Amino acid sequence: MAEGAPSVPERLSFLDEVQARTPGESRLLMCIQCGTCGGSCPSGADMQHTPRHIFAMIRADMREEVLSSNTPWYCVSCYYCTVRCPQDVHITDIMYTLKRMSLVGHSYDSSTAPDFSKMFINWVENYGRAFELGLMSQHMLRHNPLGVFKIADMGIGMVTKGRMAFTPKRIQGMAGLKQIIAKAKELEETHD
């Protein structure tokens, strides 16, 4: 480097970038590839890669393959994998990070999963919980209108048996939830 030339910061590895963008301590390097996460995941069968495979790909600097994968989008944020992880890797938080990075970089090749995620978040922000009937109806009408007919019987059966509400209901303490969401968005902006 020429004398007096400004130093150029090195490009962060994909691993370093994921860790830096994940709020708190991700513990990503603690992953021992045991497979507990994938075996615990209710939507693991639909994922292109298990979480442990995604973590290995992150370590291998396979940025585009990870960010174009459907894996983060199929994470339903149940935290079951995180609770069961013997190394306390914050798997769900890492999946949120990968979703954000994928959106920012326009890496995911389908609008379906990100759109579903945005609709889900919208219901939670407005009611404090998901409204399954509204969420699925909205999603199906937007992305698979004819699919509504395929799931209509199941939806009607769930509503009539009291397993799913016909109308959305707000939780108590919405003001508190809105404060939590506002703080989370504030923290997210500081990490981006």
N, C-alpha and C. Protein backbone atom coordinates (compact mmCIF):
# COMPACT_ATOMS: atom_id res chain seq x y z
N MET A 1 0.85 -1.17 0.00
CA MET A 1 0.00 0.00 0.00
C MET A 1 0.90 1.23 0.00
N ALA A 2 0.55 2.19 -0.81
CA ALA A 2 1.34 3.42 -0.90
C ALA A 2 1.26 4.19 0.39
N GLU A 3 2.38 4.85 0.72
CA GLU A 3 2.42 5.62 1.96
C GLU A 3 1.39 6.75 1.90
N GLY A 4 0.65 6.91 2.97
CA GLY A 4 -0.36 7.97 3.05
C GLY A 4 -1.70 7.58 2.45
N ALA A 5 -1.78 6.43 1.77
CA ALA A 5 -3.05 6.00 1.19
C ALA A 5 -3.96 5.52 2.32
N PRO A 6 -5.25 5.84 2.23
CA PRO A 6 -6.18 5.40 3.28
C PRO A 6 -6.30 3.88 3.26
N SER A 7 -6.41 3.30 4.44
CA SER A 7 -6.58 1.85 4.49
C SER A 7 -8.01 1.50 4.10
N VAL A 8 -8.15 0.45 3.34
CA VAL A 8 -9.46 -0.02 2.90
C VAL A 8 -9.85 -1.18 3.79
N PRO A 9 -11.02 -1.09 4.44
CA PRO A 9 -11.41 -2.21 5.30
C PRO A 9 -11.61 -3.47 4.47
N GLU A 10 -11.15 -4.58 5.05
CA GLU A 10 -11.35 -5.86 4.37
C GLU A 10 -12.83 -6.18 4.30
N ARG A 11 -13.21 -6.89 3.25
CA ARG A 11 -14.58 -7.34 3.12
C ARG A 11 -14.81 -8.40 4.18
N LEU A 12 -15.89 -8.26 4.91
CA LEU A 12 -16.23 -9.25 5.93
C LEU A 12 -16.54 -10.57 5.25
N SER A 13 -16.14 -11.65 5.87
CA SER A 13 -16.57 -12.94 5.36
C SER A 13 -18.08 -13.03 5.58
N PHE A 14 -18.72 -13.93 4.89
CA PHE A 14 -20.15 -14.11 5.05
C PHE A 14 -20.47 -14.49 6.48
N LEU A 15 -19.65 -15.35 7.07
CA LEU A 15 -19.83 -15.76 8.46
C LEU A 15 -19.78 -14.55 9.39
N ASP A 16 -18.76 -13.70 9.21
CA ASP A 16 -18.63 -12.51 10.06
C ASP A 16 -19.82 -11.57 9.87
N GLU A 17 -20.28 -11.45 8.64
CA GLU A 17 -21.42 -10.57 8.36
C GLU A 17 -22.70 -11.09 9.02
N VAL A 18 -22.96 -12.38 8.92
CA VAL A 18 -24.15 -12.96 9.55
C VAL A 18 -24.08 -12.77 11.06
N GLN A 19 -22.92 -13.04 11.64
CA GLN A 19 -22.77 -12.86 13.09
C GLN A 19 -22.96 -11.40 13.49
N ALA A 20 -22.42 -10.49 12.72
CA ALA A 20 -22.53 -9.06 13.05
C ALA A 20 -23.96 -8.56 12.92
N ARG A 21 -24.72 -9.11 11.99
CA ARG A 21 -26.09 -8.66 11.76
C ARG A 21 -27.12 -9.35 12.65
N THR A 22 -26.72 -10.38 13.36
CA THR A 22 -27.64 -11.10 14.25
C THR A 22 -27.59 -10.43 15.62
N PRO A 23 -28.74 -9.93 16.09
CA PRO A 23 -28.76 -9.28 17.40
C PRO A 23 -28.29 -10.24 18.51
N GLY A 24 -27.56 -9.70 19.46
CA GLY A 24 -27.08 -10.52 20.56
C GLY A 24 -25.95 -11.42 20.09
N GLU A 25 -25.75 -12.49 20.79
CA GLU A 25 -24.71 -13.47 20.47
C GLU A 25 -25.34 -14.62 19.71
N SER A 26 -24.99 -14.79 18.44
CA SER A 26 -25.60 -15.85 17.62
C SER A 26 -25.13 -17.24 18.03
N ARG A 27 -23.91 -17.35 18.49
CA ARG A 27 -23.28 -18.62 18.85
C ARG A 27 -23.16 -19.55 17.64
N LEU A 28 -23.17 -18.97 16.45
CA LEU A 28 -23.11 -19.74 15.21
C LEU A 28 -21.87 -20.63 15.15
N LEU A 29 -20.75 -20.15 15.64
CA LEU A 29 -19.53 -20.95 15.61
C LEU A 29 -19.58 -22.15 16.54
N MET A 30 -20.55 -22.18 17.43
CA MET A 30 -20.67 -23.29 18.37
C MET A 30 -21.39 -24.50 17.77
N CYS A 31 -21.95 -24.34 16.57
CA CYS A 31 -22.68 -25.45 15.93
C CYS A 31 -21.74 -26.65 15.74
N ILE A 32 -22.17 -27.81 16.25
CA ILE A 32 -21.37 -29.03 16.13
C ILE A 32 -21.94 -29.99 15.07
N GLN A 33 -22.89 -29.49 14.27
CA GLN A 33 -23.45 -30.27 13.16
C GLN A 33 -24.14 -31.55 13.64
N CYS A 34 -24.82 -31.48 14.79
CA CYS A 34 -25.46 -32.69 15.36
C CYS A 34 -26.79 -33.02 14.68
N GLY A 35 -27.45 -32.03 14.07
CA GLY A 35 -28.71 -32.28 13.38
C GLY A 35 -29.94 -32.17 14.24
N THR A 36 -29.81 -31.81 15.51
CA THR A 36 -30.97 -31.67 16.38
C THR A 36 -31.94 -30.63 15.84
N CYS A 37 -31.40 -29.56 15.28
CA CYS A 37 -32.25 -28.48 14.76
C CYS A 37 -33.15 -28.98 13.62
N GLY A 38 -32.55 -29.62 12.64
CA GLY A 38 -33.33 -30.12 11.51
C GLY A 38 -34.32 -31.19 11.92
N GLY A 39 -33.92 -32.03 12.87
CA GLY A 39 -34.82 -33.08 13.36
C GLY A 39 -35.96 -32.54 14.19
N SER A 40 -35.79 -31.33 14.72
CA SER A 40 -36.82 -30.70 15.56
C SER A 40 -37.78 -29.83 14.75
N CYS A 41 -37.40 -29.46 13.55
CA CYS A 41 -38.13 -28.45 12.79
C CYS A 41 -39.42 -28.99 12.19
N PRO A 42 -40.57 -28.35 12.49
CA PRO A 42 -41.83 -28.81 11.92
C PRO A 42 -41.93 -28.60 10.42
N SER A 43 -41.13 -27.70 9.86
CA SER A 43 -41.18 -27.49 8.42
C SER A 43 -39.88 -27.90 7.74
N GLY A 44 -39.05 -28.66 8.44
CA GLY A 44 -37.77 -29.09 7.90
C GLY A 44 -37.86 -29.86 6.60
N ALA A 45 -38.92 -30.63 6.44
CA ALA A 45 -39.06 -31.44 5.22
C ALA A 45 -39.22 -30.57 3.96
N ASP A 46 -39.69 -29.34 4.15
CA ASP A 46 -39.88 -28.45 3.00
C ASP A 46 -38.68 -27.56 2.73
N MET A 47 -37.70 -27.59 3.61
CA MET A 47 -36.52 -26.74 3.45
C MET A 47 -35.55 -27.36 2.45
N GLN A 48 -34.93 -26.50 1.65
CA GLN A 48 -33.91 -26.98 0.71
C GLN A 48 -32.70 -27.53 1.46
N HIS A 49 -32.37 -26.91 2.57
CA HIS A 49 -31.21 -27.31 3.37
C HIS A 49 -31.61 -27.28 4.84
N THR A 50 -31.11 -28.20 5.62
CA THR A 50 -31.36 -28.15 7.06
C THR A 50 -30.60 -26.96 7.64
N PRO A 51 -30.99 -26.49 8.83
CA PRO A 51 -30.24 -25.39 9.43
C PRO A 51 -28.75 -25.71 9.58
N ARG A 52 -28.41 -26.93 9.99
CA ARG A 52 -26.99 -27.25 10.14
C ARG A 52 -26.25 -27.18 8.81
N HIS A 53 -26.93 -27.56 7.72
CA HIS A 53 -26.31 -27.46 6.40
C HIS A 53 -26.13 -25.98 6.03
N ILE A 54 -27.13 -25.17 6.35
CA ILE A 54 -27.03 -23.72 6.10
C ILE A 54 -25.84 -23.15 6.86
N PHE A 55 -25.65 -23.57 8.11
CA PHE A 55 -24.54 -23.06 8.91
C PHE A 55 -23.20 -23.47 8.31
N ALA A 56 -23.10 -24.69 7.80
CA ALA A 56 -21.88 -25.14 7.13
C ALA A 56 -21.65 -24.32 5.86
N MET A 57 -22.71 -24.01 5.14
CA MET A 57 -22.60 -23.20 3.93
C MET A 57 -22.17 -21.76 4.27
N ILE A 58 -22.67 -21.25 5.38
CA ILE A 58 -22.24 -19.91 5.81
C ILE A 58 -20.75 -19.92 6.09
N ARG A 59 -20.28 -20.94 6.81
CA ARG A 59 -18.85 -21.06 7.12
C ARG A 59 -18.02 -21.19 5.85
N ALA A 60 -18.58 -21.81 4.82
CA ALA A 60 -17.87 -22.01 3.55
C ALA A 60 -18.00 -20.80 2.63
N ASP A 61 -18.58 -19.71 3.14
CA ASP A 61 -18.73 -18.45 2.41
C ASP A 61 -19.60 -18.60 1.15
N MET A 62 -20.62 -19.46 1.25
CA MET A 62 -21.53 -19.71 0.12
C MET A 62 -22.73 -18.75 0.19
N ARG A 63 -22.44 -17.48 0.14
CA ARG A 63 -23.41 -16.42 0.33
C ARG A 63 -24.64 -16.56 -0.56
N GLU A 64 -24.44 -16.62 -1.86
CA GLU A 64 -25.58 -16.66 -2.79
C GLU A 64 -26.44 -17.90 -2.60
N GLU A 65 -25.81 -19.04 -2.37
CA GLU A 65 -26.57 -20.28 -2.18
C GLU A 65 -27.43 -20.21 -0.93
N VAL A 66 -26.89 -19.62 0.13
CA VAL A 66 -27.64 -19.49 1.38
C VAL A 66 -28.79 -18.50 1.22
N LEU A 67 -28.48 -17.32 0.69
CA LEU A 67 -29.50 -16.27 0.60
C LEU A 67 -30.57 -16.56 -0.45
N SER A 68 -30.29 -17.44 -1.39
CA SER A 68 -31.32 -17.80 -2.37
C SER A 68 -32.09 -19.06 -1.96
N SER A 69 -31.71 -19.64 -0.84
CA SER A 69 -32.36 -20.85 -0.33
C SER A 69 -33.73 -20.51 0.27
N ASN A 70 -34.62 -21.50 0.25
CA ASN A 70 -35.93 -21.29 0.88
C ASN A 70 -35.89 -21.55 2.39
N THR A 71 -34.78 -22.05 2.89
CA THR A 71 -34.69 -22.48 4.30
C THR A 71 -35.11 -21.41 5.29
N PRO A 72 -34.54 -20.20 5.25
CA PRO A 72 -34.97 -19.20 6.24
C PRO A 72 -36.46 -18.87 6.14
N TRP A 73 -36.99 -18.93 4.95
CA TRP A 73 -38.40 -18.57 4.74
C TRP A 73 -39.35 -19.63 5.26
N TYR A 74 -38.88 -20.86 5.36
CA TYR A 74 -39.73 -21.91 5.91
C TYR A 74 -39.62 -22.02 7.42
N CYS A 75 -38.75 -21.23 8.02
CA CYS A 75 -38.65 -21.19 9.49
C CYS A 75 -39.93 -20.52 10.01
N VAL A 76 -40.65 -21.23 10.86
CA VAL A 76 -41.92 -20.71 11.38
C VAL A 76 -41.75 -20.02 12.73
N SER A 77 -40.51 -19.79 13.12
CA SER A 77 -40.18 -19.05 14.34
C SER A 77 -40.79 -19.67 15.59
N CYS A 78 -40.82 -20.97 15.65
CA CYS A 78 -41.36 -21.65 16.84
C CYS A 78 -40.29 -21.76 17.94
N TYR A 79 -39.04 -21.55 17.58
CA TYR A 79 -37.90 -21.61 18.50
C TYR A 79 -37.65 -23.01 19.06
N TYR A 80 -38.29 -24.02 18.52
CA TYR A 80 -38.08 -25.38 19.01
C TYR A 80 -36.63 -25.81 18.79
N CYS A 81 -36.07 -25.48 17.64
CA CYS A 81 -34.68 -25.83 17.35
C CYS A 81 -33.73 -25.13 18.33
N THR A 82 -34.01 -23.88 18.61
CA THR A 82 -33.16 -23.11 19.51
C THR A 82 -33.20 -23.68 20.92
N VAL A 83 -34.39 -24.04 21.37
CA VAL A 83 -34.55 -24.60 22.71
C VAL A 83 -33.83 -25.94 22.82
N ARG A 84 -33.87 -26.75 21.76
CA ARG A 84 -33.29 -28.09 21.81
C ARG A 84 -31.80 -28.13 21.47
N CYS A 85 -31.24 -27.05 20.95
CA CYS A 85 -29.84 -27.05 20.53
C CYS A 85 -28.92 -27.26 21.73
N PRO A 86 -28.07 -28.30 21.69
CA PRO A 86 -27.18 -28.57 22.83
C PRO A 86 -26.08 -27.51 22.97
N GLN A 87 -25.86 -26.72 21.95
CA GLN A 87 -24.82 -25.70 21.98
C GLN A 87 -25.39 -24.28 22.16
N ASP A 88 -26.70 -24.19 22.33
CA ASP A 88 -27.37 -22.90 22.52
C ASP A 88 -27.13 -21.93 21.36
N VAL A 89 -27.08 -22.49 20.14
CA VAL A 89 -26.99 -21.64 18.95
C VAL A 89 -28.35 -20.98 18.76
N HIS A 90 -28.36 -19.71 18.50
CA HIS A 90 -29.61 -18.96 18.35
C HIS A 90 -30.10 -19.08 16.91
N ILE A 91 -30.56 -20.26 16.59
CA ILE A 91 -30.90 -20.65 15.22
C ILE A 91 -31.99 -19.75 14.63
N THR A 92 -33.06 -19.55 15.36
CA THR A 92 -34.18 -18.75 14.83
C THR A 92 -33.74 -17.32 14.56
N ASP A 93 -32.93 -16.75 15.45
CA ASP A 93 -32.44 -15.39 15.24
C ASP A 93 -31.56 -15.31 13.99
N ILE A 94 -30.77 -16.35 13.76
CA ILE A 94 -29.93 -16.39 12.55
C ILE A 94 -30.82 -16.47 11.31
N MET A 95 -31.90 -17.24 11.38
CA MET A 95 -32.82 -17.33 10.24
C MET A 95 -33.46 -15.98 9.93
N TYR A 96 -33.81 -15.22 10.98
CA TYR A 96 -34.32 -13.86 10.75
C TYR A 96 -33.27 -12.99 10.07
N THR A 97 -32.03 -13.11 10.50
CA THR A 97 -30.95 -12.35 9.87
C THR A 97 -30.84 -12.70 8.39
N LEU A 98 -30.89 -13.99 8.08
CA LEU A 98 -30.78 -14.42 6.69
C LEU A 98 -31.96 -13.92 5.85
N LYS A 99 -33.16 -13.88 6.44
CA LYS A 99 -34.31 -13.33 5.73
C LYS A 99 -34.07 -11.87 5.39
N ARG A 100 -33.62 -11.10 6.39
CA ARG A 100 -33.37 -9.66 6.15
C ARG A 100 -32.31 -9.47 5.07
N MET A 101 -31.23 -10.23 5.16
CA MET A 101 -30.16 -10.10 4.17
C MET A 101 -30.65 -10.49 2.78
N SER A 102 -31.48 -11.50 2.72
CA SER A 102 -32.04 -11.95 1.44
C SER A 102 -32.93 -10.88 0.82
N LEU A 103 -33.74 -10.24 1.66
CA LEU A 103 -34.61 -9.17 1.17
C LEU A 103 -33.81 -7.98 0.68
N VAL A 104 -32.84 -7.57 1.48
CA VAL A 104 -32.02 -6.41 1.11
C VAL A 104 -31.27 -6.68 -0.19
N GLY A 105 -30.74 -7.87 -0.33
CA GLY A 105 -29.97 -8.21 -1.53
C GLY A 105 -30.79 -8.73 -2.69
N HIS A 106 -32.11 -8.80 -2.52
CA HIS A 106 -33.01 -9.35 -3.54
C HIS A 106 -32.52 -10.71 -4.02
N SER A 107 -32.11 -11.54 -3.07
CA SER A 107 -31.51 -12.83 -3.39
C SER A 107 -32.49 -13.97 -3.55
N TYR A 108 -33.62 -13.88 -2.86
CA TYR A 108 -34.57 -14.98 -2.93
C TYR A 108 -35.38 -14.85 -4.21
N ASP A 109 -35.50 -15.92 -4.99
CA ASP A 109 -36.08 -15.83 -6.33
C ASP A 109 -37.60 -15.96 -6.39
N SER A 110 -38.25 -16.05 -5.26
CA SER A 110 -39.70 -16.15 -5.25
C SER A 110 -40.25 -15.13 -4.28
N SER A 111 -41.33 -14.47 -4.65
CA SER A 111 -41.93 -13.50 -3.74
C SER A 111 -42.87 -14.18 -2.75
N THR A 112 -43.18 -15.44 -2.95
CA THR A 112 -44.19 -16.12 -2.14
C THR A 112 -43.82 -16.16 -0.66
N ALA A 113 -42.66 -16.68 -0.33
CA ALA A 113 -42.29 -16.81 1.08
C ALA A 113 -42.08 -15.45 1.75
N PRO A 114 -41.32 -14.51 1.14
CA PRO A 114 -41.20 -13.20 1.79
C PRO A 114 -42.54 -12.51 1.95
N ASP A 115 -43.41 -12.67 0.97
CA ASP A 115 -44.73 -12.04 1.05
C ASP A 115 -45.54 -12.66 2.19
N PHE A 116 -45.46 -13.98 2.35
CA PHE A 116 -46.15 -14.64 3.45
C PHE A 116 -45.63 -14.11 4.79
N SER A 117 -44.31 -13.97 4.88
CA SER A 117 -43.70 -13.46 6.10
C SER A 117 -44.19 -12.05 6.42
N LYS A 118 -44.25 -11.20 5.40
CA LYS A 118 -44.73 -9.82 5.60
C LYS A 118 -46.20 -9.81 6.04
N MET A 119 -47.02 -10.66 5.45
CA MET A 119 -48.44 -10.73 5.84
C MET A 119 -48.57 -11.19 7.29
N PHE A 120 -47.78 -12.21 7.66
CA PHE A 120 -47.80 -12.72 9.02
C PHE A 120 -47.43 -11.61 10.00
N ILE A 121 -46.36 -10.89 9.72
CA ILE A 121 -45.91 -9.79 10.58
C ILE A 121 -46.99 -8.72 10.68
N ASN A 122 -47.65 -8.43 9.59
CA ASN A 122 -48.71 -7.42 9.59
C ASN A 122 -49.85 -7.81 10.53
N TRP A 123 -50.25 -9.09 10.50
CA TRP A 123 -51.31 -9.56 11.41
C TRP A 123 -50.86 -9.43 12.86
N VAL A 124 -49.62 -9.82 13.14
CA VAL A 124 -49.11 -9.75 14.51
C VAL A 124 -49.01 -8.30 14.98
N GLU A 125 -48.53 -7.42 14.12
CA GLU A 125 -48.41 -6.01 14.50
C GLU A 125 -49.77 -5.36 14.75
N ASN A 126 -50.80 -5.81 14.07
CA ASN A 126 -52.12 -5.20 14.22
C ASN A 126 -53.02 -5.87 15.25
N TYR A 127 -52.78 -7.16 15.52
CA TYR A 127 -53.65 -7.89 16.44
C TYR A 127 -52.89 -8.56 17.60
N GLY A 128 -51.58 -8.59 17.51
CA GLY A 128 -50.80 -9.24 18.56
C GLY A 128 -50.67 -10.73 18.38
N ARG A 129 -51.24 -11.26 17.34
CA ARG A 129 -51.18 -12.69 17.04
C ARG A 129 -51.53 -12.90 15.58
N ALA A 130 -51.25 -14.08 15.11
CA ALA A 130 -51.62 -14.42 13.73
C ALA A 130 -53.10 -14.74 13.70
N PHE A 131 -53.72 -14.45 12.60
CA PHE A 131 -55.11 -14.82 12.35
C PHE A 131 -55.06 -15.77 11.16
N GLU A 132 -55.08 -17.06 11.46
CA GLU A 132 -54.82 -18.08 10.46
C GLU A 132 -55.74 -18.00 9.24
N LEU A 133 -57.04 -17.85 9.50
CA LEU A 133 -57.99 -17.82 8.38
C LEU A 133 -57.71 -16.63 7.46
N GLY A 134 -57.48 -15.48 8.05
CA GLY A 134 -57.18 -14.29 7.24
C GLY A 134 -55.85 -14.40 6.54
N LEU A 135 -54.85 -14.91 7.26
CA LEU A 135 -53.52 -15.04 6.70
C LEU A 135 -53.52 -16.00 5.50
N MET A 136 -54.11 -17.17 5.69
CA MET A 136 -54.12 -18.15 4.59
C MET A 136 -54.99 -17.68 3.43
N SER A 137 -56.13 -17.07 3.74
CA SER A 137 -56.99 -16.57 2.66
C SER A 137 -56.27 -15.50 1.85
N GLN A 138 -55.66 -14.56 2.54
CA GLN A 138 -54.94 -13.49 1.87
C GLN A 138 -53.79 -14.05 1.03
N HIS A 139 -53.05 -14.97 1.62
CA HIS A 139 -51.90 -15.56 0.92
C HIS A 139 -52.35 -16.36 -0.30
N MET A 140 -53.35 -17.20 -0.11
CA MET A 140 -53.81 -18.04 -1.22
C MET A 140 -54.40 -17.19 -2.35
N LEU A 141 -55.18 -16.19 -2.01
CA LEU A 141 -55.78 -15.35 -3.05
C LEU A 141 -54.71 -14.61 -3.85
N ARG A 142 -53.64 -14.23 -3.18
CA ARG A 142 -52.58 -13.49 -3.86
C ARG A 142 -51.68 -14.41 -4.69
N HIS A 143 -51.40 -15.62 -4.19
CA HIS A 143 -50.39 -16.46 -4.84
C HIS A 143 -50.93 -17.74 -5.48
N ASN A 144 -52.10 -18.17 -5.09
CA ASN A 144 -52.64 -19.41 -5.65
C ASN A 144 -54.17 -19.38 -5.51
N PRO A 145 -54.84 -18.51 -6.26
CA PRO A 145 -56.29 -18.33 -6.08
C PRO A 145 -57.09 -19.63 -6.18
N LEU A 146 -56.71 -20.52 -7.06
CA LEU A 146 -57.46 -21.77 -7.19
C LEU A 146 -57.22 -22.71 -6.01
N GLY A 147 -56.12 -22.50 -5.30
CA GLY A 147 -55.81 -23.30 -4.14
C GLY A 147 -56.77 -23.09 -2.99
N VAL A 148 -57.47 -21.95 -2.99
CA VAL A 148 -58.46 -21.66 -1.95
C VAL A 148 -59.52 -22.76 -1.92
N PHE A 149 -59.91 -23.24 -3.09
CA PHE A 149 -60.94 -24.28 -3.16
C PHE A 149 -60.44 -25.60 -2.57
N LYS A 150 -59.15 -25.85 -2.70
CA LYS A 150 -58.58 -27.09 -2.18
C LYS A 150 -58.56 -27.13 -0.66
N ILE A 151 -58.39 -25.97 -0.04
CA ILE A 151 -58.29 -25.95 1.42
C ILE A 151 -59.57 -25.45 2.10
N ALA A 152 -60.57 -25.10 1.31
CA ALA A 152 -61.81 -24.54 1.87
C ALA A 152 -62.48 -25.50 2.85
N ASP A 153 -62.60 -26.77 2.49
CA ASP A 153 -63.25 -27.73 3.39
C ASP A 153 -62.51 -27.85 4.72
N MET A 154 -61.18 -27.89 4.64
CA MET A 154 -60.39 -27.99 5.86
C MET A 154 -60.61 -26.73 6.72
N GLY A 155 -60.58 -25.56 6.10
CA GLY A 155 -60.79 -24.31 6.82
C GLY A 155 -62.14 -24.25 7.49
N ILE A 156 -63.18 -24.64 6.76
CA ILE A 156 -64.54 -24.62 7.32
C ILE A 156 -64.63 -25.60 8.49
N GLY A 157 -64.03 -26.78 8.32
CA GLY A 157 -64.03 -27.76 9.41
C GLY A 157 -63.32 -27.25 10.65
N MET A 158 -62.21 -26.54 10.48
CA MET A 158 -61.47 -26.01 11.62
C MET A 158 -62.25 -24.90 12.32
N VAL A 159 -62.95 -24.08 11.54
CA VAL A 159 -63.75 -22.99 12.13
C VAL A 159 -64.93 -23.58 12.89
N THR A 160 -65.65 -24.52 12.28
CA THR A 160 -66.84 -25.09 12.93
C THR A 160 -66.49 -25.92 14.17
N LYS A 161 -65.29 -26.47 14.23
CA LYS A 161 -64.88 -27.25 15.41
C LYS A 161 -64.16 -26.39 16.45
N GLY A 162 -64.13 -25.09 16.21
CA GLY A 162 -63.51 -24.19 17.17
C GLY A 162 -61.99 -24.25 17.20
N ARG A 163 -61.37 -24.79 16.17
CA ARG A 163 -59.91 -24.90 16.12
C ARG A 163 -59.27 -23.69 15.47
N MET A 164 -60.10 -22.83 14.85
CA MET A 164 -59.60 -21.64 14.20
C MET A 164 -60.69 -20.58 14.27
N ALA A 165 -60.31 -19.36 14.60
CA ALA A 165 -61.28 -18.27 14.73
C ALA A 165 -61.77 -17.81 13.36
N PHE A 166 -63.03 -17.39 13.32
CA PHE A 166 -63.60 -16.87 12.08
C PHE A 166 -63.26 -15.40 11.89
N THR A 167 -63.03 -14.70 12.99
CA THR A 167 -62.66 -13.28 12.93
C THR A 167 -61.41 -13.07 13.80
N PRO A 168 -60.59 -12.08 13.46
CA PRO A 168 -59.39 -11.84 14.27
C PRO A 168 -59.75 -11.21 15.61
N LYS A 169 -58.96 -11.52 16.62
CA LYS A 169 -59.15 -10.95 17.95
C LYS A 169 -57.83 -10.36 18.41
N ARG A 170 -57.90 -9.14 18.92
CA ARG A 170 -56.69 -8.49 19.44
C ARG A 170 -56.35 -9.02 20.82
N ILE A 171 -55.07 -9.08 21.10
CA ILE A 171 -54.63 -9.46 22.43
C ILE A 171 -54.79 -8.27 23.37
N GLN A 172 -54.81 -8.55 24.66
CA GLN A 172 -54.77 -7.46 25.64
C GLN A 172 -53.35 -6.93 25.66
N GLY A 173 -53.21 -5.66 25.95
CA GLY A 173 -51.87 -5.07 26.06
C GLY A 173 -51.24 -4.75 24.72
N MET A 174 -52.04 -4.38 23.74
CA MET A 174 -51.49 -4.04 22.42
C MET A 174 -50.51 -2.87 22.50
N ALA A 175 -50.78 -1.93 23.41
CA ALA A 175 -49.88 -0.78 23.52
C ALA A 175 -48.48 -1.24 23.92
N GLY A 176 -48.40 -2.18 24.84
CA GLY A 176 -47.11 -2.72 25.25
C GLY A 176 -46.41 -3.45 24.12
N LEU A 177 -47.19 -4.23 23.36
CA LEU A 177 -46.62 -4.95 22.23
C LEU A 177 -46.07 -3.97 21.19
N LYS A 178 -46.82 -2.92 20.93
CA LYS A 178 -46.37 -1.92 19.95
C LYS A 178 -45.07 -1.27 20.39
N GLN A 179 -44.90 -1.06 21.70
CA GLN A 179 -43.65 -0.50 22.21
C GLN A 179 -42.50 -1.49 21.99
N ILE A 180 -42.75 -2.76 22.23
CA ILE A 180 -41.74 -3.79 22.03
C ILE A 180 -41.35 -3.85 20.55
N ILE A 181 -42.34 -3.83 19.67
CA ILE A 181 -42.07 -3.89 18.22
C ILE A 181 -41.28 -2.66 17.78
N ALA A 182 -41.65 -1.49 18.28
CA ALA A 182 -40.93 -0.26 17.92
C ALA A 182 -39.47 -0.34 18.36
N LYS A 183 -39.23 -0.86 19.56
CA LYS A 183 -37.85 -1.00 20.07
C LYS A 183 -37.09 -2.02 19.23
N ALA A 184 -37.74 -3.11 18.86
CA ALA A 184 -37.09 -4.13 18.02
C ALA A 184 -36.71 -3.55 16.66
N LYS A 185 -37.59 -2.75 16.08
CA LYS A 185 -37.28 -2.12 14.79
C LYS A 185 -36.12 -1.14 14.93
N GLU A 186 -36.10 -0.44 16.04
CA GLU A 186 -35.01 0.50 16.31
C GLU A 186 -33.68 -0.25 16.40
N LEU A 187 -33.67 -1.36 17.12
CA LEU A 187 -32.47 -2.17 17.25
C LEU A 187 -32.05 -2.77 15.90
N GLU A 188 -33.02 -3.16 15.12
CA GLU A 188 -32.74 -3.75 13.80
C GLU A 188 -32.05 -2.72 12.90
N GLU A 189 -32.51 -1.47 12.97
CA GLU A 189 -31.90 -0.42 12.15
C GLU A 189 -30.44 -0.19 12.52
N THR A 190 -30.11 -0.36 13.79
CA THR A 190 -28.73 -0.16 14.21
C THR A 190 -27.83 -1.29 13.74
N HIS A 191 -28.43 -2.47 13.44
CA HIS A 191 -27.63 -3.60 12.97
C HIS A 191 -27.50 -3.64 11.45
N ASP A 192 -28.31 -2.89 10.75
CA ASP A 192 -28.24 -2.90 9.26
C ASP A 192 -27.34 -1.83 8.73
